[in-house]
PDB file of N, CA and C in Angstrom:
ATOM      1  N   MET A   1       0.878  -1.273   0.008  1.00  0.00           N
ATOM      2  CA  MET A   1      -0.022  -0.048  -0.004  1.00  0.00           C
ATOM      3  C   MET A   1       0.915   1.283   0.043  1.00  0.00           C
ATOM      4  N   SER A   2       2.065   1.202   0.522  1.00  0.00           N
ATOM      5  CA  SER A   2       2.945   2.258   0.585  1.00  0.00           C
ATOM      6  C   SER A   2       3.434   2.694  -0.741  1.00  0.00           C
ATOM      7  N   ASP A   3       3.432   1.749  -1.716  1.00  0.00           N
ATOM      8  CA  ASP A   3       3.952   1.999  -3.141  1.00  0.00           C
ATOM      9  C   ASP A   3       2.834   2.988  -3.764  1.00  0.00           C
ATOM     10  N   ASN A   4       1.633   2.906  -3.379  1.00  0.00           N
ATOM     11  CA  ASN A   4       0.627   3.793  -4.028  1.00  0.00           C
ATOM     12  C   ASN A   4       0.765   5.191  -3.596  1.00  0.00           C
ATOM     13  N   ASN A   5       1.320   5.477  -2.527  1.00  0.00           N
ATOM     14  CA  ASN A   5       1.478   6.831  -1.988  1.00  0.00           C
ATOM     15  C   ASN A   5       2.679   7.635  -2.609  1.00  0.00           C
ATOM     16  N   LYS A   6       3.533   6.890  -3.502  1.00  0.00           N
ATOM     17  CA  LYS A   6       4.693   7.432  -4.007  1.00  0.00           C
ATOM     18  C   LYS A   6       4.140   8.324  -5.115  1.00  0.00           C
ATOM     19  N   ASN A   7       4.694   9.430  -5.342  1.00  0.00           N
ATOM     20  CA  ASN A   7       4.436  10.262  -6.439  1.00  0.00           C
ATOM     21  C   ASN A   7       5.564  10.220  -7.484  1.00  0.00           C
ATOM     22  N   PRO A   8       5.423   9.617  -8.522  1.00  0.00           N
ATOM     23  CA  PRO A   8       6.550   9.534  -9.505  1.00  0.00           C
ATOM     24  C   PRO A   8       6.980  10.807 -10.046  1.00  0.00           C
ATOM     25  N   PHE A   9       6.073  11.892 -10.108  1.00  0.00           N
ATOM     26  CA  PHE A   9       6.588  13.211 -10.618  1.00  0.00           C
ATOM     27  C   PHE A   9       7.490  13.897  -9.566  1.00  0.00           C
ATOM     28  N   LYS A  10       7.346  13.646  -8.281  1.00  0.00           N
ATOM     29  CA  LYS A  10       8.288  14.163  -7.348  1.00  0.00           C
ATOM     30  C   LYS A  10       9.652  13.582  -7.471  1.00  0.00           C
ATOM     31  N   GLU A  11       9.695  12.154  -7.708  1.00  0.00           N
ATOM     32  CA  GLU A  11      11.026  11.577  -8.024  1.00  0.00           C
ATOM     33  C   GLU A  11      11.622  12.120  -9.200  1.00  0.00           C
ATOM     34  N   MET A  12      10.826  12.416 -10.343  1.00  0.00           N
ATOM     35  CA  MET A  12      11.422  13.089 -11.504  1.00  0.00           C
ATOM     36  C   MET A  12      11.905  14.421 -11.240  1.00  0.00           C
ATOM     37  N   GLU A  13      11.356  15.180 -10.492  1.00  0.00           N
ATOM     38  CA  GLU A  13      11.750  16.502 -10.067  1.00  0.00           C
ATOM     39  C   GLU A  13      13.109  16.465  -9.316  1.00  0.00           C
ATOM     40  N   ASP A  14      13.229  15.503  -8.386  1.00  0.00           N
ATOM     41  CA  ASP A  14      14.473  15.357  -7.616  1.00  0.00           C
ATOM     42  C   ASP A  14      15.536  14.996  -8.380  1.00  0.00           C
ATOM     43  N   SER A  15      15.336  14.375  -9.553  1.00  0.00           N
ATOM     44  CA  SER A  15      16.555  13.999 -10.390  1.00  0.00           C
ATOM     45  C   SER A  15      16.971  15.082 -11.407  1.00  0.00           C
ATOM     46  N   LEU A  16      16.404  16.237 -11.420  1.00  0.00           N
ATOM     47  CA  LEU A  16      16.840  17.337 -12.261  1.00  0.00           C
ATOM     48  C   LEU A  16      18.103  17.939 -11.831  1.00  0.00           C
ATOM     49  N   ARG A  17      19.033  18.227 -12.553  1.00  0.00           N
ATOM     50  CA  ARG A  17      20.241  18.818 -12.389  1.00  0.00           C
ATOM     51  C   ARG A  17      20.466  20.051 -13.253  1.00  0.00           C
ATOM     52  N   GLU A  18      21.376  20.911 -12.824  1.00  0.00           N
ATOM     53  CA  GLU A  18      21.674  22.103 -13.722  1.00  0.00           C
ATOM     54  C   GLU A  18      22.527  21.663 -14.914  1.00  0.00           C
ATOM     55  N   VAL A  19      22.202  22.251 -15.953  1.00  0.00           N
ATOM     56  CA  VAL A  19      23.014  21.927 -17.269  1.00  0.00           C
ATOM     57  C   VAL A  19      24.323  22.574 -17.144  1.00  0.00           C
ATOM     58  N   PRO A  20      25.382  22.007 -17.649  1.00  0.00           N
ATOM     59  CA  PRO A  20      26.715  22.705 -17.601  1.00  0.00           C
ATOM     60  C   PRO A  20      26.741  23.914 -18.413  1.00  0.00           C
ATOM     61  N   PRO A  21      27.431  24.971 -18.023  1.00  0.00           N
ATOM     62  CA  PRO A  21      27.355  26.314 -18.706  1.00  0.00           C
ATOM     63  C   PRO A  21      27.876  26.153 -20.225  1.00  0.00           C
ATOM     64  N   HIS A  22      28.885  25.237 -20.632  1.00  0.00           N
ATOM     65  CA  HIS A  22      29.210  25.184 -21.863  1.00  0.00           C
ATOM     66  C   HIS A  22      28.144  24.557 -22.860  1.00  0.00           C
ATOM     67  N   MET A  23      27.393  23.577 -22.206  1.00  0.00           N
ATOM     68  CA  MET A  23      26.221  23.043 -22.975  1.00  0.00           C
ATOM     69  C   MET A  23      25.263  24.106 -23.272  1.00  0.00           C
ATOM     70  N   LYS A  24      24.884  24.858 -22.232  1.00  0.00           N
ATOM     71  CA  LYS A  24      23.966  25.961 -22.423  1.00  0.00           C
ATOM     72  C   LYS A  24      24.364  26.925 -23.569  1.00  0.00           C
ATOM     73  N   LYS A  25      25.572  27.335 -23.594  1.00  0.00           N
ATOM     74  CA  LYS A  25      26.183  28.200 -24.461  1.00  0.00           C
ATOM     75  C   LYS A  25      26.030  27.605 -25.927  1.00  0.00           C
ATOM     76  N   LYS A  26      26.333  26.371 -26.047  1.00  0.00           N
ATOM     77  CA  LYS A  26      26.276  25.680 -27.377  1.00  0.00           C
ATOM     78  C   LYS A  26      24.801  25.576 -27.818  1.00  0.00           C
ATOM     79  N   VAL A  27      23.885  25.246 -27.013  1.00  0.00           N
ATOM     80  CA  VAL A  27      22.578  25.178 -27.427  1.00  0.00           C
ATOM     81  C   VAL A  27      22.001  26.578 -27.770  1.00  0.00           C
ATOM     82  N   MET A  28      22.292  27.461 -26.975  1.00  0.00           N
ATOM     83  CA  MET A  28      21.862  28.935 -27.374  1.00  0.00           C
ATOM     84  C   MET A  28      22.363  29.405 -28.625  1.00  0.00           C
ATOM     85  N   SER A  29      23.762  29.093 -28.942  1.00  0.00           N
ATOM     86  CA  SER A  29      24.334  29.333 -30.154  1.00  0.00           C
ATOM     87  C   SER A  29      23.647  28.634 -31.530  1.00  0.00           C
ATOM     88  N   ASP A  30      23.314  27.453 -31.167  1.00  0.00           N
ATOM     89  CA  ASP A  30      22.654  26.674 -32.288  1.00  0.00           C
ATOM     90  C   ASP A  30      21.298  27.123 -32.625  1.00  0.00           C
ATOM     91  N   ILE A  31      20.597  27.579 -31.513  1.00  0.00           N
ATOM     92  CA  ILE A  31      19.300  28.226 -31.688  1.00  0.00           C
ATOM     93  C   ILE A  31      19.397  29.491 -32.442  1.00  0.00           C
ATOM     94  N   ALA A  32      20.400  30.366 -32.107  1.00  0.00           N
ATOM     95  CA  ALA A  32      20.621  31.628 -32.661  1.00  0.00           C
ATOM     96  C   ALA A  32      20.981  31.485 -34.183  1.00  0.00           C
ATOM     97  N   ASN A  33      21.780  30.380 -34.454  1.00  0.00           N
ATOM     98  CA  ASN A  33      22.097  30.112 -35.934  1.00  0.00           C
ATOM     99  C   ASN A  33      20.934  29.673 -36.598  1.00  0.00           C
ATOM    100  N   ALA A  34      20.093  28.844 -36.072  1.00  0.00           N
ATOM    101  CA  ALA A  34      18.855  28.492 -36.729  1.00  0.00           C
ATOM    102  C   ALA A  34      17.911  29.614 -37.060  1.00  0.00           C
ATOM    103  N   LYS A  35      17.867  30.456 -36.050  1.00  0.00           N
ATOM    104  CA  LYS A  35      16.926  31.553 -36.219  1.00  0.00           C
ATOM    105  C   LYS A  35      17.442  32.568 -37.308  1.00  0.00           C
ATOM    106  N   LEU A  36      18.746  32.687 -37.355  1.00  0.00           N
ATOM    107  CA  LEU A  36      19.435  33.512 -38.458  1.00  0.00           C
ATOM    108  C   LEU A  36      19.088  32.974 -39.956  1.00  0.00           C
ATOM    109  N   VAL A  37      19.213  31.638 -39.983  1.00  0.00           N
ATOM    110  CA  VAL A  37      18.966  31.060 -41.224  1.00  0.00           C
ATOM    111  C   VAL A  37      17.417  31.087 -41.639  1.00  0.00           C
ATOM    112  N   MET A  38      16.628  30.937 -40.631  1.00  0.00           N
ATOM    113  CA  MET A  38      15.176  31.151 -40.944  1.00  0.00           C
ATOM    114  C   MET A  38      14.814  32.601 -41.292  1.00  0.00           C
ATOM    115  N   ASP A  39      15.430  33.647 -40.704  1.00  0.00           N
ATOM    116  CA  ASP A  39      15.257  34.960 -41.041  1.00  0.00           C
ATOM    117  C   ASP A  39      15.831  35.304 -42.358  1.00  0.00           C
ATOM    118  N   MET A  40      16.947  34.711 -42.773  1.00  0.00           N
ATOM    119  CA  MET A  40      17.545  34.948 -44.166  1.00  0.00           C
ATOM    120  C   MET A  40      16.644  34.323 -45.246  1.00  0.00           C
ATOM    121  N   ALA A  41      16.198  33.167 -44.922  1.00  0.00           N
ATOM    122  CA  ALA A  41      15.281  32.528 -45.880  1.00  0.00           C
ATOM    123  C   ALA A  41      14.019  33.282 -46.032  1.00  0.00           C
ATOM    124  N   THR A  42      13.503  33.898 -45.004  1.00  0.00           N
ATOM    125  CA  THR A  42      12.255  34.701 -45.080  1.00  0.00           C
ATOM    126  C   THR A  42      12.715  35.903 -45.928  1.00  0.00           C
ATOM    127  N   LEU A  43      13.768  36.459 -45.688  1.00  0.00           N
ATOM    128  CA  LEU A  43      14.230  37.757 -46.396  1.00  0.00           C
ATOM    129  C   LEU A  43      14.244  37.481 -47.868  1.00  0.00           C
ATOM    130  N   PHE A  44      14.721  36.400 -48.267  1.00  0.00           N
ATOM    131  CA  PHE A  44      14.947  36.118 -49.695  1.00  0.00           C
ATOM    132  C   PHE A  44      13.749  35.464 -50.332  1.00  0.00           C
ATOM    133  N   THR A  45      12.789  35.012 -49.789  1.00  0.00           N
ATOM    134  CA  THR A  45      11.580  34.392 -50.368  1.00  0.00           C
ATOM    135  C   THR A  45      10.439  35.151 -50.089  1.00  0.00           C
ATOM    136  N   TYR A  46      10.391  36.223 -49.311  1.00  0.00           N
ATOM    137  CA  TYR A  46       9.159  36.969 -48.962  1.00  0.00           C
ATOM    138  C   TYR A  46       8.506  37.570 -50.199  1.00  0.00           C
ATOM    139  N   ASN A  47       9.115  38.121 -51.104  1.00  0.00           N
ATOM    140  CA  ASN A  47       8.617  38.941 -52.179  1.00  0.00           C
ATOM    141  C   ASN A  47       8.551  38.135 -53.517  1.00  0.00           C
ATOM    142  N   TYR A  48       8.662  36.799 -53.490  1.00  0.00           N
ATOM    143  CA  TYR A  48       8.664  36.138 -54.755  1.00  0.00           C
ATOM    144  C   TYR A  48       7.504  36.283 -55.591  1.00  0.00           C
ATOM    145  N   THR A  49       6.272  36.349 -54.854  1.00  0.00           N
ATOM    146  CA  THR A  49       5.022  36.495 -55.686  1.00  0.00           C
ATOM    147  C   THR A  49       4.951  37.870 -56.263  1.00  0.00           C
ATOM    148  N   SER A  50       5.311  38.859 -55.454  1.00  0.00           N
ATOM    149  CA  SER A  50       5.214  40.256 -56.197  1.00  0.00           C
ATOM    150  C   SER A  50       6.276  40.384 -57.291  1.00  0.00           C
ATOM    151  N   ALA A  51       7.433  39.807 -57.157  1.00  0.00           N
ATOM    152  CA  ALA A  51       8.461  39.822 -58.168  1.00  0.00           C
ATOM    153  C   ALA A  51       7.996  39.200 -59.522  1.00  0.00           C
ATOM    154  N   ILE A  52       7.383  37.929 -59.320  1.00  0.00           N
ATOM    155  CA  ILE A  52       6.874  37.206 -60.436  1.00  0.00           C
ATOM    156  C   ILE A  52       5.629  37.965 -61.126  1.00  0.00           C
ATOM    157  N   GLU A  53       4.830  38.517 -60.259  1.00  0.00           N
ATOM    158  CA  GLU A  53       3.691  39.362 -60.923  1.00  0.00           C
ATOM    159  C   GLU A  53       4.243  40.552 -61.618  1.00  0.00           C
ATOM    160  N   GLY A  54       5.300  41.139 -61.061  1.00  0.00           N
ATOM    161  CA  GLY A  54       5.837  42.278 -61.816  1.00  0.00           C
ATOM    162  C   GLY A  54       6.525  41.920 -63.116  1.00  0.00           C
ATOM    163  N   MET A  55       6.993  40.755 -63.219  1.00  0.00           N
ATOM    164  CA  MET A  55       7.665  40.305 -64.517  1.00  0.00           C
ATOM    165  C   MET A  55       6.552  40.035 -65.532  1.00  0.00           C
ATOM    166  N   PHE A  56       5.444  39.673 -65.179  1.00  0.00           N
ATOM    167  CA  PHE A  56       4.418  39.321 -66.227  1.00  0.00           C
ATOM    168  C   PHE A  56       3.372  40.370 -66.497  1.00  0.00           C
ATOM    169  N   LYS A  57       3.503  41.379 -65.728  1.00  0.00           N
ATOM    170  CA  LYS A  57       2.567  42.523 -66.003  1.00  0.00           C
ATOM    171  C   LYS A  57       3.105  43.414 -67.213  1.00  0.00           C
ATOM    172  N   THR A  58       2.147  43.727 -68.060  1.00  0.00           N
ATOM    173  CA  THR A  58       2.538  44.484 -69.210  1.00  0.00           C
ATOM    174  C   THR A  58       2.052  45.908 -68.930  1.00  0.00           C
ATOM    175  N   LYS A  59       2.831  46.931 -69.541  1.00  0.00           N
ATOM    176  CA  LYS A  59       2.397  48.235 -69.354  1.00  0.00           C
ATOM    177  C   LYS A  59       1.452  48.718 -70.449  1.00  0.00           C
ATOM    178  N   SER A  60       0.392  49.287 -70.069  1.00  0.00           N
ATOM    179  CA  SER A  60      -0.648  49.646 -71.084  1.00  0.00           C
ATOM    180  C   SER A  60      -0.427  51.153 -71.554  1.00  0.00           C
TER     181      SER A  60
END
């Protein structure tokens, strides 16, 4: 009956440890690089539709 009173989530919480600083720095750097790539892709692909429309429009 005492096994039923154990809370497995409390045991999980007790096992948490602080991440080493060098690992935190690497993860944050990887995230920053991924965000930069996404922003660059958005920058270069954002106006494709208007550019294509502009090429096919004829002046009257």
